[in-house]
Amino acid sequence: EFRSVLVRSVSAYQREYYSQFCPVSKLAVVPLGVDSQFFNPANEPRQEDPPLILTVGHWLRDYATLATAWRLLHEKVPEAQLHVIGRQGTGQELLSCPQVFFHSGLSDEALRQWYQTATLVVLPFLNATSNTALLEAMSCGTPVVTTKVGGVPEYYPLPDAPLCEPRNSESLFNSLYDLLLDSSKRKDLSFQVRELIEQYFSLDQVVPLYKKTYECLGNS
């Protein structure tokens, strides 16, 4: 018997999964939030020459697909750099790829600077209910290329969001290449993702949702 009074989900995708085990009436969707005052856009221009592409994290990342896409991109834009940030050993599938650099043990301030400097961020997922790196990148106004899987589209619902097909290196390559070639689209995305965070995923927006959820729980 399922005895929980309330189960919090971070996306409708996750709520659907939990609905197999408990009544929908016991499920609440409250999204992840991000400290948008800390993770904010920098005043300095982003690095464009050479293009600096950033990927962050290890859990359920599809670095095998990114490795294939990166080799394709290197043929078109050989000067582009891919910087991988995560715990030691993250992104082993990319070790043999050209122009790939690895970083671990970064402070929050150093991570923020990478987000602020990057031309764009790429987050290839095998699956995700939500993702902190996605929110941090968007909060810094960084254009993101990611995977259309799980709850990701709920956090990146822009009409022109570069959402790639899962495990599809050609789709990932095309999205990366197209965005690198289109500085106007990068500029538009930079504004749009920051606005998205401020409207829906900043702590100012998310914390009241938590309070409301628990107040309803206390009154039930």
Protein backbone atom coordinates (compact mmCIF):
# COMPACT_ATOMS: atom_id res chain seq x y z
CA GLU A 1 0.00 0.00 0.00
CA PHE A 2 1.27 3.46 -0.91
CA ARG A 3 1.28 5.50 2.32
CA SER A 4 2.78 8.83 1.25
CA VAL A 5 0.59 11.86 1.76
CA LEU A 6 2.19 13.74 -1.12
CA VAL A 7 4.72 12.94 -3.83
CA ARG A 8 6.48 15.89 -5.40
CA SER A 9 7.52 15.62 -9.06
CA VAL A 10 9.80 18.04 -10.89
CA SER A 11 8.04 17.60 -14.24
CA ALA A 12 4.83 16.26 -15.73
CA TYR A 13 6.98 13.54 -17.26
CA GLN A 14 8.02 12.38 -13.78
CA ARG A 15 4.47 12.69 -12.46
CA GLU A 16 3.27 10.31 -15.16
CA TYR A 17 5.80 7.74 -13.99
CA TYR A 18 4.77 8.11 -10.34
CA SER A 19 1.10 7.78 -11.29
CA GLN A 20 1.72 4.04 -11.69
CA PHE A 21 2.22 3.79 -7.95
CA CYS A 22 -0.11 6.30 -6.33
CA PRO A 23 -3.25 8.32 -7.06
CA VAL A 24 -2.87 11.46 -9.14
CA SER A 25 -4.42 13.40 -6.26
CA LYS A 26 -1.28 12.71 -4.24
CA LEU A 27 1.07 14.00 -6.94
CA ALA A 28 2.27 17.59 -7.14
CA VAL A 29 4.49 19.06 -9.86
CA VAL A 30 6.88 21.69 -8.55
CA PRO A 31 9.78 22.44 -10.93
CA LEU A 32 13.41 22.78 -10.02
CA GLY A 33 14.57 26.33 -9.51
CA VAL A 34 17.85 28.15 -9.92
CA ASP A 35 19.50 31.05 -8.09
CA SER A 36 19.17 33.55 -10.92
CA GLN A 37 20.91 36.26 -8.90
CA PHE A 38 24.06 34.14 -8.72
CA PHE A 39 23.84 32.48 -12.14
CA ASN A 40 23.44 35.63 -14.19
CA PRO A 41 24.71 36.92 -17.56
CA ALA A 42 28.06 38.67 -17.56
CA ASN A 43 28.59 42.19 -18.87
CA GLU A 44 31.47 41.05 -21.09
CA PRO A 45 30.86 39.59 -24.57
CA ARG A 46 30.90 35.82 -24.97
CA GLN A 47 33.85 34.07 -26.58
CA GLU A 48 33.17 33.71 -30.30
CA ASP A 49 36.61 33.23 -31.85
CA PRO A 50 37.35 30.44 -31.46
CA PRO A 51 33.88 29.17 -30.56
CA LEU A 52 33.80 27.76 -27.04
CA ILE A 53 31.22 25.02 -26.50
CA LEU A 54 30.57 23.82 -22.96
CA THR A 55 29.05 20.60 -21.62
CA VAL A 56 28.45 19.99 -17.93
CA GLY A 57 27.69 16.91 -15.81
CA HIS A 58 27.82 13.14 -16.09
CA TRP A 59 24.52 11.58 -15.00
CA LEU A 60 22.59 10.06 -17.95
CA ARG A 61 24.68 12.04 -20.44
CA ASP A 62 24.91 10.69 -23.98
CA TYR A 63 28.55 11.48 -24.61
CA ALA A 64 28.83 8.69 -27.17
CA THR A 65 26.42 10.55 -29.46
CA LEU A 66 28.17 13.85 -28.72
CA ALA A 67 31.52 12.30 -29.66
CA THR A 68 30.23 11.39 -33.13
CA ALA A 69 28.56 14.78 -33.57
CA TRP A 70 31.70 16.57 -32.40
CA ARG A 71 33.88 14.85 -34.99
CA LEU A 72 31.43 15.98 -37.68
CA LEU A 73 31.49 19.51 -36.32
CA HIS A 74 35.30 19.53 -36.16
CA GLU A 75 35.40 18.91 -39.91
CA LYS A 76 33.34 22.06 -40.47
CA VAL A 77 34.66 24.25 -37.64
CA PRO A 78 38.11 22.86 -36.72
CA GLU A 79 38.94 25.77 -34.42
CA ALA A 80 35.91 25.14 -32.15
CA GLN A 81 36.68 23.96 -28.63
CA LEU A 82 34.60 21.62 -26.46
CA HIS A 83 35.11 21.98 -22.70
CA VAL A 84 33.79 19.19 -20.47
CA ILE A 85 33.04 20.02 -16.83
CA GLY A 86 32.25 17.27 -14.35
CA ARG A 87 33.69 14.92 -11.81
CA GLN A 88 36.91 13.09 -12.59
CA GLY A 89 36.37 10.68 -15.48
CA THR A 90 33.39 12.48 -16.99
CA GLY A 91 33.11 12.21 -20.76
CA GLN A 92 35.50 9.32 -21.38
CA GLU A 93 33.81 8.78 -24.76
CA LEU A 94 35.29 12.13 -25.86
CA LEU A 95 38.91 11.39 -24.99
CA SER A 96 39.95 10.63 -28.57
CA CYS A 97 38.11 13.63 -30.05
CA PRO A 98 40.05 16.71 -31.20
CA GLN A 99 39.88 20.05 -29.42
CA VAL A 100 38.28 18.62 -26.26
CA PHE A 101 39.37 19.80 -22.81
CA PHE A 102 38.38 18.43 -19.39
CA HIS A 103 37.86 20.27 -16.09
CA SER A 104 36.86 19.01 -12.63
CA GLY A 105 36.74 20.29 -9.07
CA LEU A 106 35.50 23.76 -10.03
CA SER A 107 34.03 26.22 -7.56
CA ASP A 108 30.55 27.62 -8.17
CA GLU A 109 32.13 30.92 -9.19
CA ALA A 110 34.39 29.21 -11.73
CA LEU A 111 31.46 27.22 -13.13
CA ARG A 112 29.45 30.42 -13.50
CA GLN A 113 32.30 32.04 -15.40
CA TRP A 114 32.39 29.13 -17.86
CA TYR A 115 28.64 29.50 -18.46
CA GLN A 116 29.02 33.24 -18.93
CA THR A 117 31.94 32.86 -21.35
CA ALA A 118 30.70 29.96 -23.50
CA THR A 119 29.43 30.55 -27.01
CA LEU A 120 26.83 27.88 -26.28
CA VAL A 121 26.16 24.89 -24.03
CA VAL A 122 25.42 21.37 -25.27
CA LEU A 123 23.65 18.91 -22.96
CA PRO A 124 23.12 15.51 -24.62
CA PHE A 125 20.82 13.37 -22.48
CA LEU A 126 19.86 9.73 -22.45
CA ASN A 127 17.00 10.74 -20.18
CA ALA A 128 16.16 13.45 -17.66
CA THR A 129 13.21 14.40 -15.50
CA SER A 130 14.79 17.86 -15.20
CA ASN A 131 18.34 19.15 -15.02
CA THR A 132 20.25 21.65 -12.92
CA ALA A 133 22.93 22.36 -15.55
CA LEU A 134 20.22 23.29 -18.06
CA LEU A 135 18.74 25.82 -15.63
CA GLU A 136 22.15 27.23 -14.69
CA ALA A 137 23.15 27.72 -18.33
CA MET A 138 19.86 29.38 -19.24
CA SER A 139 20.04 31.57 -16.15
CA CYS A 140 23.42 32.85 -17.40
CA GLY A 141 21.79 33.65 -20.74
CA THR A 142 23.73 30.94 -22.55
CA PRO A 143 22.15 29.38 -25.67
CA VAL A 144 21.63 25.64 -25.14
CA VAL A 145 21.51 22.69 -27.52
CA THR A 146 20.00 19.66 -25.80
CA THR A 147 17.95 16.50 -26.26
CA LYS A 148 14.18 16.22 -26.64
CA VAL A 149 13.72 13.60 -23.96
CA GLY A 150 11.94 13.18 -20.63
CA GLY A 151 11.05 16.43 -18.89
CA VAL A 152 13.58 18.55 -20.80
CA PRO A 153 11.03 20.13 -23.19
CA GLU A 154 9.03 21.33 -20.17
CA TYR A 155 12.03 23.37 -19.04
CA TYR A 156 12.94 24.54 -22.56
CA PRO A 157 9.57 25.26 -24.21
CA LEU A 158 10.77 27.92 -26.64
CA PRO A 159 9.49 27.62 -30.23
CA ASP A 160 13.02 27.75 -31.66
CA ALA A 161 14.75 25.76 -28.93
CA PRO A 162 17.42 23.45 -30.44
CA LEU A 163 15.97 20.17 -29.15
CA CYS A 164 17.62 17.16 -30.82
CA GLU A 165 16.32 13.66 -31.35
CA PRO A 166 17.64 11.17 -28.75
CA ARG A 167 20.77 9.18 -29.65
CA ASN A 168 20.92 10.92 -33.02
CA SER A 169 24.38 12.29 -33.77
CA GLU A 170 23.30 13.88 -37.06
CA SER A 171 20.50 15.79 -35.35
CA LEU A 172 22.92 16.95 -32.66
CA PHE A 173 25.55 17.98 -35.20
CA ASN A 174 23.02 19.92 -37.29
CA SER A 175 21.75 21.82 -34.25
CA LEU A 176 25.26 22.70 -33.11
CA TYR A 177 26.45 23.72 -36.55
CA ASP A 178 23.35 25.76 -37.38
CA LEU A 179 23.56 27.65 -34.08
CA LEU A 180 27.28 28.33 -34.47
CA LEU A 181 26.62 29.81 -37.91
CA ASP A 182 23.74 32.00 -36.74
CA SER A 183 24.93 34.70 -34.34
CA SER A 184 21.53 36.42 -34.54
CA LYS A 185 19.76 33.29 -33.30
CA ARG A 186 22.29 32.89 -30.51
CA LYS A 187 21.63 36.44 -29.42
CA ASP A 188 17.86 35.89 -29.48
CA LEU A 189 18.16 32.63 -27.55
CA SER A 190 20.40 34.29 -24.99
CA PHE A 191 17.67 36.80 -24.22
CA GLN A 192 14.86 34.24 -24.35
CA VAL A 193 16.40 31.68 -22.01
CA ARG A 194 17.18 34.29 -19.39
CA GLU A 195 13.63 35.61 -19.64
CA LEU A 196 12.29 32.06 -19.30
CA ILE A 197 14.23 31.60 -16.06
CA GLU A 198 13.03 34.89 -14.62
CA GLN A 199 9.40 34.09 -15.44
CA TYR A 200 9.21 30.46 -14.37
CA PHE A 201 12.33 28.94 -12.79
CA SER A 202 14.02 31.55 -10.61
CA LEU A 203 13.87 31.02 -6.86
CA ASP A 204 11.48 33.97 -6.66
CA GLN A 205 9.05 31.98 -8.80
CA VAL A 206 9.64 28.45 -7.50
CA VAL A 207 9.86 28.96 -3.72
CA PRO A 208 6.25 30.26 -3.46
CA LEU A 209 5.13 27.13 -5.33
CA TYR A 210 6.78 25.00 -2.67
CA LYS A 211 5.15 27.03 0.10
CA LYS A 212 1.74 26.75 -1.53
CA THR A 213 2.16 23.00 -1.99
CA TYR A 214 3.07 22.40 1.65
CA GLU A 215 0.38 24.77 2.92
CA CYS A 216 -2.21 22.76 1.02
CA LEU A 217 -0.69 19.62 2.53
CA GLY A 218 -1.00 21.07 6.01
CA ASN A 219 -4.62 22.00 5.44
CA SER A 220 -5.60 18.60 4.06
